[in-house]
């Protein structure tokens, strides 16, 4: 029991430690400013502006500018007219094609058929008596030039009157020679040899009709 009493007495006699509390009010700390490194800017050179003297436009320049502006206006006006005319042409062309398609007869005629020229019938004339005798027809009979030309060509072919060395020339017999007369075609220039030729036959036909 004595040991317990001594411990309690020792604890009672020891002084208690107290925490010191500062009565002074704490002031808030100011924020620190960031350190800025001072950089020196490079010097900027100002551009040197040269003084330019004002130059007045001459009278010739003013006239040329006026003419140029006037011509440009005319060109722009004509361009608008041409553009409008082109659009109108395209429109009319489209309408024309549709009109052709509606009329099947006209459309087929323009697309596939070719117009044939109407040939007038050849005029007939009275032939001479020697030709009428050769053709064995009555005197004063009428024929056209094509009919007479065809008859003479057939006569030459049937009687084999062509030359062998040149089939475009022929040697008429007595009856045909009486109709055609003397030959006028020279076989070679300067040769002095003349023959009747198909090439000159149409020239001779004019003398076989009574005018």
N, C-alpha and C. Protein backbone atom coordinates (compact mmCIF):
# COMPACT_ATOMS: atom_id res chain seq x y z
N UNK A 1 0.83 -1.21 0.00
CA UNK A 1 0.00 0.00 0.00
C UNK A 1 0.85 1.25 0.00
N UNK A 2 2.03 1.16 0.69
CA UNK A 2 2.88 2.33 0.77
C UNK A 2 3.43 2.75 -0.53
N UNK A 3 3.68 1.75 -1.42
CA UNK A 3 4.19 2.08 -2.77
C UNK A 3 3.20 2.80 -3.61
N UNK A 4 1.96 2.48 -3.51
CA UNK A 4 0.93 3.12 -4.30
C UNK A 4 0.68 4.54 -3.89
N UNK A 5 0.82 4.79 -2.55
CA UNK A 5 0.59 6.14 -2.06
C UNK A 5 1.71 7.07 -2.50
N UNK A 6 2.91 6.54 -2.56
CA UNK A 6 4.04 7.36 -2.97
C UNK A 6 3.97 7.78 -4.42
N UNK A 7 3.48 6.92 -5.24
CA UNK A 7 3.34 7.22 -6.70
C UNK A 7 2.32 8.31 -6.90
N UNK A 8 1.21 8.23 -6.18
CA UNK A 8 0.16 9.22 -6.34
C UNK A 8 0.57 10.57 -5.82
N UNK A 9 1.38 10.55 -4.80
CA UNK A 9 1.84 11.83 -4.25
C UNK A 9 2.84 12.49 -5.17
N UNK A 10 3.63 11.68 -5.80
CA UNK A 10 4.60 12.24 -6.73
C UNK A 10 3.94 12.87 -7.93
N UNK A 11 2.89 12.23 -8.43
CA UNK A 11 2.15 12.78 -9.57
C UNK A 11 1.41 14.03 -9.22
N UNK A 12 1.00 14.14 -7.97
CA UNK A 12 0.27 15.33 -7.56
C UNK A 12 1.18 16.50 -7.36
N UNK A 13 2.40 16.24 -6.90
CA UNK A 13 3.32 17.34 -6.65
C UNK A 13 3.96 17.92 -7.89
N UNK A 14 4.03 17.19 -9.03
CA UNK A 14 4.66 17.67 -10.30
C UNK A 14 3.80 18.70 -10.97
N UNK A 15 4.33 19.84 -11.40
CA UNK A 15 3.52 20.91 -12.04
C UNK A 15 3.14 20.54 -13.49
N UNK A 16 1.96 20.98 -13.95
CA UNK A 16 1.45 20.70 -15.30
C UNK A 16 1.96 21.71 -16.29
N UNK A 17 2.41 21.27 -17.49
CA UNK A 17 2.90 22.13 -18.56
C UNK A 17 1.75 22.69 -19.36
N UNK A 18 1.74 24.03 -19.57
CA UNK A 18 0.65 24.68 -20.34
C UNK A 18 1.20 25.24 -21.64
N UNK A 19 0.43 25.16 -22.75
CA UNK A 19 0.83 25.70 -24.05
C UNK A 19 0.61 27.19 -24.10
N UNK A 20 1.68 27.88 -24.57
CA UNK A 20 1.59 29.33 -24.72
C UNK A 20 0.80 29.70 -25.96
N UNK A 21 -0.21 30.53 -25.81
CA UNK A 21 -1.06 30.98 -26.91
C UNK A 21 -0.79 32.43 -27.14
N UNK A 22 -0.33 32.76 -28.35
CA UNK A 22 -0.03 34.15 -28.70
C UNK A 22 -1.30 34.90 -28.96
N UNK A 23 -1.40 36.02 -28.24
CA UNK A 23 -2.61 36.84 -28.38
C UNK A 23 -2.59 37.73 -29.60
N UNK A 24 -1.38 37.88 -30.20
CA UNK A 24 -1.28 38.77 -31.38
C UNK A 24 -1.98 38.16 -32.57
N UNK A 25 -2.76 38.96 -33.39
CA UNK A 25 -3.49 38.48 -34.59
C UNK A 25 -2.51 38.23 -35.74
N UNK A 26 -2.70 37.10 -36.43
CA UNK A 26 -1.84 36.74 -37.56
C UNK A 26 -2.23 37.52 -38.79
N UNK A 27 -1.27 38.24 -39.41
CA UNK A 27 -1.54 39.00 -40.64
C UNK A 27 -1.37 38.09 -41.86
N UNK A 28 -2.25 38.24 -42.91
CA UNK A 28 -2.13 37.39 -44.12
C UNK A 28 -0.88 37.75 -44.92
N UNK A 29 -0.27 36.72 -45.48
CA UNK A 29 0.94 36.92 -46.27
C UNK A 29 0.60 37.40 -47.66
N UNK A 30 1.33 38.42 -48.13
CA UNK A 30 1.12 38.96 -49.48
C UNK A 30 1.71 38.00 -50.52
N UNK A 31 0.99 37.79 -51.72
CA UNK A 31 1.53 36.89 -52.74
C UNK A 31 2.77 37.46 -53.39
N UNK A 32 3.67 36.60 -53.63
CA UNK A 32 4.93 37.03 -54.24
C UNK A 32 4.73 37.30 -55.73
N UNK A 33 5.24 38.42 -56.21
CA UNK A 33 5.14 38.77 -57.64
C UNK A 33 6.13 37.93 -58.45
N UNK A 34 5.68 37.44 -59.65
CA UNK A 34 6.60 36.64 -60.46
C UNK A 34 7.72 37.49 -61.00
N UNK A 35 8.85 36.89 -61.01
CA UNK A 35 10.02 37.59 -61.50
C UNK A 35 10.00 37.67 -63.02
N UNK A 36 10.06 38.86 -63.53
CA UNK A 36 10.03 39.09 -64.99
C UNK A 36 11.42 39.54 -65.40
N UNK A 37 11.96 38.76 -66.38
CA UNK A 37 13.28 39.13 -66.88
C UNK A 37 13.13 40.27 -67.86
N UNK A 38 13.75 41.32 -67.64
CA UNK A 38 13.63 42.52 -68.50
C UNK A 38 14.42 42.31 -69.78
N UNK A 39 13.63 42.23 -70.95
CA UNK A 39 14.27 42.07 -72.25
C UNK A 39 14.20 43.38 -73.00
N UNK A 40 15.28 43.77 -73.58
CA UNK A 40 15.32 45.02 -74.32
C UNK A 40 14.94 44.76 -75.77
N UNK A 41 13.83 45.43 -76.31
CA UNK A 41 13.38 45.25 -77.70
C UNK A 41 14.39 45.87 -78.64
N UNK A 42 14.55 45.17 -79.82
CA UNK A 42 15.49 45.69 -80.82
C UNK A 42 14.91 46.93 -81.45
N UNK A 43 15.69 47.86 -81.79
CA UNK A 43 15.18 49.12 -82.39
C UNK A 43 14.63 48.87 -83.80
N UNK A 44 13.44 49.43 -84.11
CA UNK A 44 12.77 49.28 -85.41
C UNK A 44 13.10 50.47 -86.27
N UNK A 45 13.59 50.14 -87.47
CA UNK A 45 13.95 51.22 -88.39
C UNK A 45 12.72 51.70 -89.13
N UNK A 46 12.44 52.93 -89.11
CA UNK A 46 11.29 53.49 -89.81
C UNK A 46 11.60 53.62 -91.29
N UNK A 47 10.61 53.20 -92.19
CA UNK A 47 10.86 53.31 -93.64
C UNK A 47 10.99 54.76 -94.07
N UNK A 48 11.90 54.92 -94.99
CA UNK A 48 12.14 56.27 -95.50
C UNK A 48 11.19 56.53 -96.65
N UNK A 49 10.32 57.46 -96.54
CA UNK A 49 9.34 57.80 -97.57
C UNK A 49 9.86 58.98 -98.35
N UNK A 50 10.02 58.71 -99.65
CA UNK A 50 10.50 59.78 -100.50
C UNK A 50 9.35 60.64 -100.97
N UNK A 51 9.52 61.83 -101.02
CA UNK A 51 8.48 62.75 -101.46
C UNK A 51 8.32 62.67 -102.98
N UNK A 52 7.07 62.39 -103.43
CA UNK A 52 6.78 62.28 -104.86
C UNK A 52 5.98 63.48 -105.28
N UNK A 53 6.44 64.11 -106.27
CA UNK A 53 5.73 65.28 -106.76
C UNK A 53 4.49 64.85 -107.54
N UNK A 54 3.38 65.49 -107.33
CA UNK A 54 2.13 65.19 -108.03
C UNK A 54 2.25 65.59 -109.49
N UNK A 55 1.90 64.60 -110.38
CA UNK A 55 1.99 64.85 -111.82
C UNK A 55 0.58 64.91 -112.38
N UNK A 56 0.23 65.95 -112.99
CA UNK A 56 -1.09 66.10 -113.57
C UNK A 56 -1.14 65.40 -114.93
N UNK A 57 -2.29 64.72 -115.22
CA UNK A 57 -2.47 64.04 -116.49
C UNK A 57 -2.56 65.05 -117.62
N UNK A 58 -1.91 64.73 -118.71
CA UNK A 58 -1.94 65.62 -119.86
C UNK A 58 -3.27 65.52 -120.58
N UNK A 59 -3.52 66.43 -121.47
CA UNK A 59 -4.78 66.44 -122.23
C UNK A 59 -4.90 65.21 -123.13
N UNK A 60 -3.77 64.77 -123.70
CA UNK A 60 -3.78 63.57 -124.56
C UNK A 60 -4.16 62.33 -123.77
N UNK A 61 -3.64 62.21 -122.53
CA UNK A 61 -3.97 61.06 -121.70
C UNK A 61 -5.45 61.04 -121.36
N UNK A 62 -6.00 62.20 -121.06
CA UNK A 62 -7.43 62.28 -120.73
C UNK A 62 -8.28 61.86 -121.92
N UNK A 63 -7.90 62.29 -123.11
CA UNK A 63 -8.66 61.93 -124.32
C UNK A 63 -8.59 60.43 -124.58
N UNK A 64 -7.39 59.84 -124.42
CA UNK A 64 -7.22 58.41 -124.64
C UNK A 64 -8.01 57.59 -123.63
N UNK A 65 -8.00 58.01 -122.38
CA UNK A 65 -8.77 57.30 -121.36
C UNK A 65 -10.26 57.36 -121.66
N UNK A 66 -10.72 58.52 -122.11
CA UNK A 66 -12.14 58.67 -122.46
C UNK A 66 -12.51 57.77 -123.63
N UNK A 67 -11.63 57.73 -124.66
CA UNK A 67 -11.90 56.86 -125.82
C UNK A 67 -11.89 55.40 -125.42
N UNK A 68 -10.95 55.03 -124.55
CA UNK A 68 -10.86 53.64 -124.10
C UNK A 68 -12.11 53.23 -123.34
N UNK A 69 -12.58 54.08 -122.43
CA UNK A 69 -13.78 53.77 -121.67
C UNK A 69 -15.00 53.66 -122.57
N UNK A 70 -15.07 54.55 -123.56
CA UNK A 70 -16.22 54.50 -124.49
C UNK A 70 -16.21 53.22 -125.30
N UNK A 71 -15.01 52.81 -125.78
CA UNK A 71 -14.91 51.59 -126.57
C UNK A 71 -15.23 50.36 -125.73
N UNK A 72 -14.78 50.35 -124.49
CA UNK A 72 -15.08 49.22 -123.60
C UNK A 72 -16.59 49.11 -123.35
N UNK A 73 -17.24 50.24 -123.24
CA UNK A 73 -18.69 50.22 -123.07
C UNK A 73 -19.40 49.64 -124.28
N UNK A 74 -18.92 50.01 -125.47
CA UNK A 74 -19.51 49.46 -126.69
C UNK A 74 -19.29 47.96 -126.78
N UNK A 75 -18.08 47.50 -126.42
CA UNK A 75 -17.78 46.07 -126.47
C UNK A 75 -18.68 45.29 -125.51
N UNK A 76 -18.85 45.82 -124.31
CA UNK A 76 -19.70 45.14 -123.33
C UNK A 76 -21.15 45.09 -123.81
N UNK A 77 -21.61 46.17 -124.45
CA UNK A 77 -22.98 46.18 -124.97
C UNK A 77 -23.16 45.16 -126.09
N UNK A 78 -22.17 45.08 -127.01
CA UNK A 78 -22.24 44.10 -128.10
C UNK A 78 -22.16 42.68 -127.56
N UNK A 79 -21.36 42.49 -126.53
CA UNK A 79 -21.24 41.15 -125.94
C UNK A 79 -22.58 40.69 -125.38
N UNK A 80 -23.31 41.60 -124.75
CA UNK A 80 -24.63 41.26 -124.22
C UNK A 80 -25.60 40.91 -125.34
N UNK A 81 -25.52 41.66 -126.45
CA UNK A 81 -26.41 41.40 -127.60
C UNK A 81 -26.11 40.03 -128.21
N UNK A 82 -24.82 39.72 -128.38
CA UNK A 82 -24.42 38.43 -128.97
C UNK A 82 -24.86 37.27 -128.08
N UNK A 83 -24.71 37.44 -126.78
CA UNK A 83 -25.12 36.38 -125.85
C UNK A 83 -26.62 36.14 -125.92
N UNK A 84 -27.39 37.22 -126.00
CA UNK A 84 -28.85 37.08 -126.09
C UNK A 84 -29.25 36.42 -127.41
N UNK A 85 -28.57 36.79 -128.51
CA UNK A 85 -28.87 36.20 -129.82
C UNK A 85 -28.51 34.72 -129.85
N UNK A 86 -27.40 34.34 -129.22
CA UNK A 86 -27.01 32.93 -129.17
C UNK A 86 -28.03 32.09 -128.43
N UNK A 87 -28.51 32.59 -127.31
CA UNK A 87 -29.54 31.87 -126.55
C UNK A 87 -30.81 31.71 -127.37
N UNK A 88 -31.17 32.76 -128.12
CA UNK A 88 -32.37 32.70 -128.94
C UNK A 88 -32.21 31.68 -130.07
N UNK A 89 -30.99 31.60 -130.66
CA UNK A 89 -30.74 30.62 -131.72
C UNK A 89 -30.88 29.20 -131.18
N UNK A 90 -30.33 28.93 -130.02
CA UNK A 90 -30.46 27.60 -129.42
C UNK A 90 -31.92 27.25 -129.16
N UNK A 91 -32.68 28.24 -128.72
CA UNK A 91 -34.09 28.00 -128.43
C UNK A 91 -34.86 27.68 -129.71
N UNK A 92 -34.60 28.46 -130.77
CA UNK A 92 -35.31 28.23 -132.04
C UNK A 92 -34.90 26.90 -132.66
N UNK A 93 -33.62 26.54 -132.54
CA UNK A 93 -33.16 25.27 -133.07
C UNK A 93 -33.85 24.10 -132.38
N UNK A 94 -34.03 24.20 -131.10
CA UNK A 94 -34.72 23.15 -130.35
C UNK A 94 -36.17 23.04 -130.78
N UNK A 95 -36.82 24.19 -130.95
CA UNK A 95 -38.22 24.18 -131.41
C UNK A 95 -38.34 23.63 -132.82
N UNK A 96 -37.37 23.95 -133.68
CA UNK A 96 -37.41 23.47 -135.06
C UNK A 96 -37.26 21.96 -135.13
N UNK A 97 -36.37 21.40 -134.31
CA UNK A 97 -36.20 19.95 -134.28
C UNK A 97 -37.47 19.25 -133.81
N UNK A 98 -38.09 19.80 -132.80
CA UNK A 98 -39.33 19.20 -132.32
C UNK A 98 -40.43 19.29 -133.36
N UNK A 99 -40.43 20.39 -134.14
CA UNK A 99 -41.44 20.53 -135.20
C UNK A 99 -41.21 19.50 -136.31
N UNK A 100 -39.93 19.24 -136.65
CA UNK A 100 -39.63 18.22 -137.65
C UNK A 100 -40.08 16.84 -137.18
N UNK A 101 -39.86 16.55 -135.92
CA UNK A 101 -40.23 15.23 -135.40
C UNK A 101 -41.74 15.04 -135.37
N UNK A 102 -42.47 16.14 -135.16
CA UNK A 102 -43.93 16.02 -135.15
C UNK A 102 -44.46 15.70 -136.54
N UNK A 103 -43.86 16.30 -137.53
CA UNK A 103 -44.27 16.03 -138.91
C UNK A 103 -43.39 14.90 -139.45
N UNK A 104 -43.84 13.68 -139.35
CA UNK A 104 -43.03 12.51 -139.72
C UNK A 104 -42.65 12.52 -141.20
N UNK A 105 -43.54 12.95 -142.03
CA UNK A 105 -43.26 12.94 -143.47
C UNK A 105 -42.12 13.90 -143.80
N UNK A 106 -42.18 15.12 -143.26
CA UNK A 106 -41.12 16.09 -143.52
C UNK A 106 -39.82 15.67 -142.88
N UNK A 107 -39.90 15.09 -141.67
CA UNK A 107 -38.68 14.67 -140.96
C UNK A 107 -37.96 13.56 -141.73
N UNK A 108 -38.73 12.58 -142.23
CA UNK A 108 -38.11 11.49 -142.99
C UNK A 108 -37.56 11.99 -144.32
N UNK A 109 -38.24 12.94 -144.92
CA UNK A 109 -37.77 13.48 -146.19
C UNK A 109 -36.43 14.20 -146.03
N UNK A 110 -36.31 15.00 -144.98
CA UNK A 110 -35.07 15.74 -144.75
C UNK A 110 -33.94 14.84 -144.29
N UNK A 111 -34.27 13.73 -143.63
CA UNK A 111 -33.24 12.87 -143.06
C UNK A 111 -32.72 11.83 -144.03
N UNK A 112 -33.59 11.22 -144.81
CA UNK A 112 -33.18 10.07 -145.60
C UNK A 112 -33.24 10.29 -147.11
N UNK A 113 -34.17 11.08 -147.59
CA UNK A 113 -34.34 11.21 -149.02
C UNK A 113 -33.60 12.42 -149.56
N UNK A 114 -33.20 12.34 -150.79
CA UNK A 114 -32.56 13.44 -151.49
C UNK A 114 -33.52 13.98 -152.55
N UNK A 115 -33.58 15.28 -152.63
CA UNK A 115 -34.45 15.88 -153.65
C UNK A 115 -33.86 15.65 -155.03
N UNK A 116 -34.68 15.21 -155.91
CA UNK A 116 -34.24 14.91 -157.27
C UNK A 116 -34.62 16.07 -158.19
N UNK A 117 -33.65 16.49 -158.96
CA UNK A 117 -33.91 17.58 -159.90
C UNK A 117 -34.78 17.09 -161.04
N UNK A 118 -35.78 17.88 -161.36
CA UNK A 118 -36.70 17.53 -162.44
C UNK A 118 -36.09 18.01 -163.76
N UNK A 119 -35.80 17.07 -164.60
CA UNK A 119 -35.20 17.41 -165.89
C UNK A 119 -36.28 17.70 -166.91
N UNK A 120 -36.08 18.78 -167.63
CA UNK A 120 -37.03 19.12 -168.68
C UNK A 120 -36.83 18.19 -169.86
N UNK A 121 -37.92 17.82 -170.51
CA UNK A 121 -37.77 16.98 -171.70
C UNK A 121 -37.01 17.73 -172.80
N UNK A 122 -36.11 17.00 -173.48
CA UNK A 122 -35.31 17.62 -174.53
C UNK A 122 -36.20 18.02 -175.72
N UNK A 123 -35.84 19.14 -176.31
CA UNK A 123 -36.60 19.61 -177.45
C UNK A 123 -36.29 18.76 -178.69
N UNK A 124 -37.32 18.50 -179.45
CA UNK A 124 -37.16 17.71 -180.66
C UNK A 124 -37.14 18.63 -181.88
N UNK A 125 -36.30 18.24 -182.86
CA UNK A 125 -36.16 19.02 -184.08
C UNK A 125 -36.26 18.09 -185.29
N UNK A 126 -36.51 18.71 -186.41
CA UNK A 126 -36.61 17.95 -187.67
C UNK A 126 -35.21 17.59 -188.13
N UNK A 127 -35.02 16.29 -188.51
CA UNK A 127 -33.70 15.84 -188.95
C UNK A 127 -33.56 16.00 -190.46
N UNK A 128 -32.32 15.99 -190.92
CA UNK A 128 -32.05 16.12 -192.35
C UNK A 128 -32.44 14.82 -193.06
N UNK A 129 -32.59 14.90 -194.39
CA UNK A 129 -33.07 13.74 -195.16
C UNK A 129 -32.06 12.59 -195.14
N UNK A 130 -30.77 12.88 -195.18
CA UNK A 130 -29.77 11.80 -195.20
C UNK A 130 -29.82 10.99 -193.89
N UNK A 131 -30.06 11.65 -192.80
CA UNK A 131 -30.18 10.93 -191.52
C UNK A 131 -31.48 10.16 -191.45
N UNK A 132 -32.55 10.72 -192.00
CA UNK A 132 -33.83 10.01 -192.01
C UNK A 132 -33.72 8.74 -192.86
N UNK A 133 -32.95 8.81 -193.96
CA UNK A 133 -32.75 7.62 -194.78
C UNK A 133 -31.92 6.57 -194.05
N UNK A 134 -30.89 7.02 -193.33
CA UNK A 134 -30.08 6.07 -192.57
C UNK A 134 -30.89 5.42 -191.45
N UNK A 135 -31.76 6.16 -190.82
CA UNK A 135 -32.58 5.63 -189.73
C UNK A 135 -33.81 4.90 -190.24
N UNK A 136 -34.06 5.00 -191.53
CA UNK A 136 -35.22 4.36 -192.15
C UNK A 136 -36.52 4.87 -191.53
N UNK A 137 -36.61 6.20 -191.48
CA UNK A 137 -37.82 6.86 -190.95
C UNK A 137 -38.29 7.85 -192.00
N UNK A 138 -39.54 8.30 -191.91
CA UNK A 138 -40.04 9.27 -192.89
C UNK A 138 -39.27 10.58 -192.83
N UNK A 139 -39.24 11.27 -193.94
CA UNK A 139 -38.58 12.57 -193.97
C UNK A 139 -39.29 13.55 -193.03
N UNK A 140 -38.52 14.55 -192.58
CA UNK A 140 -39.01 15.58 -191.65
C UNK A 140 -39.51 14.99 -190.33
N UNK A 141 -38.92 13.87 -189.94
CA UNK A 141 -39.23 13.31 -188.62
C UNK A 141 -38.51 14.14 -187.56
N UNK A 142 -39.03 14.14 -186.36
CA UNK A 142 -38.45 14.94 -185.27
C UNK A 142 -37.83 14.02 -184.22
N UNK A 143 -36.64 14.39 -183.80
CA UNK A 143 -35.91 13.67 -182.74
C UNK A 143 -35.14 14.72 -181.91
N UNK A 144 -34.76 14.30 -180.68
CA UNK A 144 -33.88 15.18 -179.91
C UNK A 144 -32.43 14.71 -180.05
N UNK A 145 -31.51 15.48 -179.54
CA UNK A 145 -30.08 15.20 -179.70
C UNK A 145 -29.68 13.87 -179.06
N UNK A 146 -30.27 13.57 -177.90
CA UNK A 146 -29.90 12.32 -177.21
C UNK A 146 -30.31 11.09 -178.01
N UNK A 147 -31.46 11.17 -178.63
CA UNK A 147 -31.93 10.03 -179.43
C UNK A 147 -31.03 9.81 -180.64
N UNK A 148 -30.60 10.89 -181.30
CA UNK A 148 -29.72 10.76 -182.46
C UNK A 148 -28.35 10.24 -182.04
N UNK A 149 -27.84 10.73 -180.93
CA UNK A 149 -26.53 10.28 -180.43
C UNK A 149 -26.57 8.79 -180.09
N UNK A 150 -27.63 8.35 -179.47
CA UNK A 150 -27.75 6.93 -179.11
C UNK A 150 -27.84 6.06 -180.37
N UNK A 151 -28.58 6.53 -181.38
CA UNK A 151 -28.72 5.75 -182.62
C UNK A 151 -27.37 5.59 -183.33
N UNK A 152 -26.58 6.67 -183.43
CA UNK A 152 -25.29 6.60 -184.13
C UNK A 152 -24.32 5.69 -183.38
N UNK A 153 -24.30 5.76 -182.04
CA UNK A 153 -23.41 4.89 -181.25
C UNK A 153 -23.78 3.42 -181.43
N UNK A 154 -25.07 3.13 -181.42
CA UNK A 154 -25.51 1.74 -181.64
C UNK A 154 -25.16 1.28 -183.06
N UNK A 155 -25.29 2.15 -184.03
CA UNK A 155 -24.97 1.81 -185.42
C UNK A 155 -23.48 1.47 -185.56
N UNK A 156 -22.61 2.26 -184.93
CA UNK A 156 -21.17 2.00 -185.00
C UNK A 156 -20.83 0.67 -184.33
N UNK A 157 -21.45 0.39 -183.21
CA UNK A 157 -21.16 -0.85 -182.49
C UNK A 157 -21.67 -2.08 -183.27
N UNK A 158 -22.87 -1.98 -183.87
CA UNK A 158 -23.43 -3.12 -184.60
C UNK A 158 -22.62 -3.43 -185.85
N UNK A 159 -22.11 -2.41 -186.51
CA UNK A 159 -21.35 -2.62 -187.74
C UNK A 159 -19.84 -2.70 -187.50
N UNK A 160 -19.42 -2.69 -186.25
CA UNK A 160 -18.02 -2.85 -185.86
C UNK A 160 -17.12 -1.88 -186.64
N UNK A 161 -17.41 -0.59 -186.48
CA UNK A 161 -16.68 0.44 -187.21
C UNK A 161 -15.55 1.08 -186.39
N UNK A 162 -15.33 0.63 -185.15
CA UNK A 162 -14.28 1.23 -184.32
C UNK A 162 -12.89 0.77 -184.74
N UNK A 163 -11.91 1.65 -184.58
CA UNK A 163 -10.52 1.29 -184.85
C UNK A 163 -10.00 0.42 -183.70
N UNK A 164 -9.16 -0.54 -184.02
CA UNK A 164 -8.61 -1.44 -183.00
C UNK A 164 -7.58 -0.74 -182.12
N UNK A 165 -6.79 0.16 -182.71
CA UNK A 165 -5.74 0.82 -181.93
C UNK A 165 -6.29 1.92 -181.02
N UNK A 166 -7.49 2.41 -181.35
CA UNK A 166 -8.09 3.46 -180.52
C UNK A 166 -9.61 3.30 -180.61
N UNK A 167 -10.21 2.74 -179.54
CA UNK A 167 -11.63 2.43 -179.58
C UNK A 167 -12.52 3.66 -179.45
N UNK A 168 -11.92 4.81 -179.17
CA UNK A 168 -12.72 6.04 -179.11
C UNK A 168 -12.91 6.67 -180.48
N UNK A 169 -12.26 6.14 -181.48
CA UNK A 169 -12.41 6.62 -182.86
C UNK A 169 -13.05 5.52 -183.70
N UNK A 170 -13.63 5.90 -184.83
CA UNK A 170 -14.31 4.92 -185.69
C UNK A 170 -14.19 5.37 -187.15
N UNK A 171 -14.34 4.37 -188.01
CA UNK A 171 -14.27 4.60 -189.45
C UNK A 171 -15.65 4.34 -190.05
N UNK A 172 -16.42 5.40 -190.36
CA UNK A 172 -17.80 5.20 -190.81
C UNK A 172 -17.87 4.55 -192.21
N UNK A 173 -18.96 3.81 -192.40
CA UNK A 173 -19.17 3.25 -193.74
C UNK A 173 -19.76 4.34 -194.64
N UNK A 174 -20.17 3.95 -195.86
CA UNK A 174 -20.62 4.94 -196.85
C UNK A 174 -21.86 5.68 -196.39
N UNK A 175 -22.83 4.96 -195.79
CA UNK A 175 -24.09 5.58 -195.37
C UNK A 175 -23.85 6.57 -194.22
N UNK A 176 -23.06 6.12 -193.25
CA UNK A 176 -22.81 7.00 -192.10
C UNK A 176 -21.90 8.17 -192.47
N UNK A 177 -20.95 7.92 -193.39
CA UNK A 177 -20.07 9.01 -193.82
C UNK A 177 -20.85 10.09 -194.54
N UNK A 178 -21.92 9.70 -195.27
CA UNK A 178 -22.75 10.69 -195.96
C UNK A 178 -23.48 11.59 -194.96
N UNK A 179 -23.72 11.08 -193.75
CA UNK A 179 -24.41 11.87 -192.72
C UNK A 179 -23.43 12.74 -191.93
N UNK A 180 -22.30 12.15 -191.53
CA UNK A 180 -21.36 12.86 -190.65
C UNK A 180 -20.44 13.82 -191.40
N UNK A 181 -20.16 13.52 -192.66
CA UNK A 181 -19.26 14.39 -193.41
C UNK A 181 -17.81 14.07 -193.11
N UNK A 182 -16.92 15.05 -193.30
CA UNK A 182 -15.49 14.84 -193.15
C UNK A 182 -15.11 14.78 -191.66
N UNK A 183 -14.12 13.95 -191.32
CA UNK A 183 -13.68 13.87 -189.92
C UNK A 183 -12.96 15.16 -189.49
N UNK A 184 -13.09 15.49 -188.22
CA UNK A 184 -12.48 16.73 -187.72
C UNK A 184 -11.52 16.47 -186.56
N UNK A 185 -11.37 15.21 -186.15
CA UNK A 185 -10.49 14.89 -185.02
C UNK A 185 -9.12 14.47 -185.53
N UNK A 186 -8.08 15.18 -185.12
CA UNK A 186 -6.72 14.83 -185.50
C UNK A 186 -6.13 13.89 -184.45
N UNK A 187 -5.70 12.72 -184.86
CA UNK A 187 -5.22 11.70 -183.91
C UNK A 187 -4.02 12.19 -183.12
N UNK A 188 -3.11 12.86 -183.75
CA UNK A 188 -1.93 13.41 -183.09
C UNK A 188 -1.65 14.76 -183.68
N UNK A 189 -1.36 15.71 -182.81
CA UNK A 189 -1.18 17.09 -183.25
C UNK A 189 -0.02 17.19 -184.24
N UNK A 190 -0.35 17.72 -185.41
CA UNK A 190 0.65 17.88 -186.46
C UNK A 190 0.83 16.66 -187.34
N UNK A 191 0.10 15.57 -187.04
CA UNK A 191 0.25 14.34 -187.86
C UNK A 191 -0.49 14.46 -189.18
N UNK A 192 -1.55 15.23 -189.25
CA UNK A 192 -2.33 15.37 -190.47
C UNK A 192 -3.29 14.21 -190.69
N UNK A 193 -3.44 13.30 -189.71
CA UNK A 193 -4.35 12.15 -189.81
C UNK A 193 -5.61 12.49 -189.02
N UNK A 194 -6.75 12.44 -189.70
CA UNK A 194 -8.02 12.79 -189.07
C UNK A 194 -8.94 11.57 -189.04
N UNK A 195 -9.69 11.45 -187.95
CA UNK A 195 -10.66 10.38 -187.80
C UNK A 195 -11.93 10.95 -187.15
N UNK A 196 -12.98 10.15 -187.29
CA UNK A 196 -14.20 10.47 -186.54
C UNK A 196 -14.04 9.96 -185.11
N UNK A 197 -14.50 10.74 -184.15
CA UNK A 197 -14.32 10.38 -182.75
C UNK A 197 -15.62 10.59 -181.98
N UNK A 198 -15.79 9.76 -180.93
CA UNK A 198 -16.95 9.92 -180.06
C UNK A 198 -16.91 11.27 -179.34
N UNK A 199 -15.69 11.75 -179.06
CA UNK A 199 -15.55 13.01 -178.32
C UNK A 199 -16.09 14.20 -179.10
N UNK A 200 -16.02 14.14 -180.44
CA UNK A 200 -16.49 15.24 -181.27
C UNK A 200 -17.85 14.97 -181.91
N UNK A 201 -18.49 13.88 -181.48
CA UNK A 201 -19.75 13.50 -182.12
C UNK A 201 -20.85 14.51 -181.81
N UNK A 202 -20.87 15.04 -180.59
CA UNK A 202 -21.91 16.01 -180.23
C UNK A 202 -21.77 17.31 -181.04
N UNK A 203 -20.55 17.65 -181.40
CA UNK A 203 -20.36 18.84 -182.23
C UNK A 203 -20.96 18.66 -183.61
N UNK A 204 -20.91 17.44 -184.11
CA UNK A 204 -21.44 17.16 -185.46
C UNK A 204 -22.97 17.10 -185.46
N UNK A 205 -23.56 16.75 -184.30
CA UNK A 205 -25.02 16.57 -184.25
C UNK A 205 -25.76 17.86 -184.58
N UNK A 206 -25.17 19.00 -184.31
CA UNK A 206 -25.86 20.26 -184.60
C UNK A 206 -26.17 20.44 -186.08
N UNK A 207 -25.35 19.84 -186.94
CA UNK A 207 -25.59 19.99 -188.37
C UNK A 207 -26.57 18.97 -188.92
N UNK A 208 -27.10 18.07 -188.07
CA UNK A 208 -28.02 17.03 -188.52
C UNK A 208 -29.49 17.41 -188.33
N UNK A 209 -29.72 18.65 -187.87
CA UNK A 209 -31.10 19.11 -187.67
C UNK A 209 -31.38 20.31 -188.59
N UNK A 210 -32.63 20.39 -189.06
CA UNK A 210 -33.04 21.51 -189.89
C UNK A 210 -33.47 22.64 -188.99
N UNK A 211 -32.81 23.77 -189.09
CA UNK A 211 -33.12 24.91 -188.24
C UNK A 211 -34.20 25.76 -188.86
